[in-house]
């Protein structure tokens, strides 16, 4: 351990004993050394103050406390008294003989590395802690693109900015200094530019246009010929040429006026009549327009009324004569000038004009020249009057006697159509003909026919003066939702249509075989045509019902599953219940046919028992070909009634008016169209037994009102489950037989080749041409032809401008000509060669 002077004195004193004032003997003890550097102490407390209650000594120490008035002597002035851990204050705080060593804070980091500053470490210098090492301290911010004050922002406070800069003299404009991108820049100022000649002080020296142009040069076009160059001067802010002489138009004077290096080059002395041969000679001749030819004057043309017959330039155009045109015969205008072409000759080289009539009996007449002009001398039988004019003919003889191109014009009706006064097809027709020298009468060349029954053909067949009167169309009776409607048996055709000509008449539509359909017709035109005969366009329900031909009774399929398909709205009888009724409904979209049946009102009625006499019933006649167990599927939709939740999703099915316990209480319907065969009897399948083949009545009773029924499917196959909208009801195509299965070529669709030439040709056929393409409604008079293919047919609009086209056409595939295909719609302006229509009506014609 280091010791100072005080320590040395303390060690010396320790070698001898001493008596304390109280008589105690101080025993020498060994000083224990500690590991702390700079620590020293006086083991015997030699020179320590003994407090005696006296006054403090000069160093503020308390005396020995012996009660004496004077203070004890205290330590020597050079004695070191430790005051604690060494600190940086220029003192030896720990009395180890070294000042400011091992200060705890020395070496600690200080300062910052932000911006231009550099952090350092603490150092003890001259009794003060200072940041040393690599330390760089912040300085006031200057405009240099650096963070001088180390606050994290470059050039903040716009150092050097805010002072006025530049000048406002002349075109200049002062600005304000601003620190931008590390540089103090003058913002908003406009500096001087080189002085130019514009009436402005561009270089901002208080003067304008001085020294411009900087190097005045020669100006002007040229100094050739009569021209001279000038000198550039700035006058009025514009560089102007002073003293120059510019080119002028060349004049014939022997000088280079246009300064191109050649004198009088613009003057053609060889052909210019004003300078012919030289600049002083101008061509001139009496009554003539002269010209200069190779430097010699000659006559170009004569003035009107004068002619140069002798070819002499000196006397000009010496022959006075007004040209009247080509030479003509004589002097027809009587002016005494018979030389019409002013060639000095009269009536020379005349060609007889074509002035004589060449029609009729005048053919071949040639005019003769006389002093008074050309004269036509017609030979008999042409008659002329005293002046030579042809006299109008009066005979009816088939000859053009007056040569006017018309024969027997005294009889204006000759050749016009005439008839015998009969009507319609009975009328005989001919033309008016000459029957004598002075008579003309109607001669019948096409005798009329015999009256017969009126037909829709644009003719008056019964010869009564009216065309196509009455209802002449071929109608078929069809059943739609239990109601009889009437539909054209054939696609509509024009009255004058034939098997090869579509006709042009729009008087009325016809339903007849063997005629090309009325096509290229818009929806409004088709609707108007039907209205003209007291009918209308068919609804889609009527059209589809006609195509599917669902006759009653419906015949059970003989194929696999023995399917029976019934559209709910195509019933044979609809019997109201005590308080509820089945109604035809189209409110819920997604039904498969023309509509669905809806049990109304939806007020919570429930017929679990006694339904045969109380619940509304729908009846369907079916001709069964199979006996035994038949399984029932219903496609239904349950409308939710907030007052009766869950009470509108069931119905009963029976046979021949009797409820069947295994097919009643069919349930399982929800708010979308659903197929169900589940009954409430333990979820068993709905079924009934048929003991004998033949016609039976299937009955559908409402169990809960609010139920909608779309379709009923009955099958002998227990594994059969219908999907989507189920199998088609009635016919899939309008075929005579096997109408559920597509048959190529039966109707006029895309697969039928209408032309024997190589390749597949598709074309429009006359109505009824495909003999087996008809919907069979039970009798020959109720067959409806061409519902599949030939032409697409307008049906009543679904909404304004949304007009369905049904049945497909001659260029559509199997799906497109099916009875159920309803995808195609068009607007009111659409027409096409494969689009036609047929009409429907509510009452019998």
Foldseek 3Di string as FASTA:
>chain_A
DAADPVQVVLVVVLVDWDADPVRDIDHRDDDDDDPDALAGDRPRCVLPAAALPEDADPVRHHHNSVVDHDGGPHDDPPHDDADDDAAQAQDSNSRNPDHRPPHPQFQCKDDDPAWPFDIATWDRDPSDTDGDDPTDAADDAAQAQTRRRRPNDHCPPFHPWADWDDDDAWPWAIATWGRDNSDTDGPPIGAADDAEQAQTRRNRPNDHPPCPPVDWDWDADDCAWPWAIFIWDRDPSDTDGPPTGAADDAAQDQTRRNRPNDHPPVDDLQWQQCNQLGNHHHADEPQFDWIHHGSRIAGPGGHAQFACQPRDRHHPRHHGHHAQDPQFFADQVPPPDQPNHSNPDHPPPDDFDPPWQCAWQQNPFTWDGDNNGTATDGDPPFDADPVNQTDQDQWQDQTRNNRPNDHNVVPVQFFPKDWDPFAWQQIFIAGWHDPDGHDIGGDGDGGGDAADDAALQQIRRRRPRDHNPDDRAQWFWFAFLQAIWIWQLWFWAHNNFAQVRRDDDLQATHRDFGGFHDFQAFPVSQQVRQVNNVFGFAALLVLLRFFLLCAPQHEFDPDPFSKDKDFQSRFNDKAAFPPKGWDWADPDPQFQGDTWTAIDDQDQAFPPDPQLHGFIKTKHKYFFPDWFKKFKKWWKAADADPVHGPQGFFKFKDKQSDTDPQGHQWGDHYHDTDITQAHPPVRDGRIDTGDDGTIIMMMITGRHGRMITGMMMMGPDPPDDADRNGQDHRAFFFFQPPRVDDDPPLAQAQRNAPDPPPDRDFDAGTICPNVGRWHDNDDPSNTRHQLAARAFAWHDAPDAQWIWTGQYYNYHDPNRRTSRDTPDTGGRNDTDRRYGHITMHNDDD
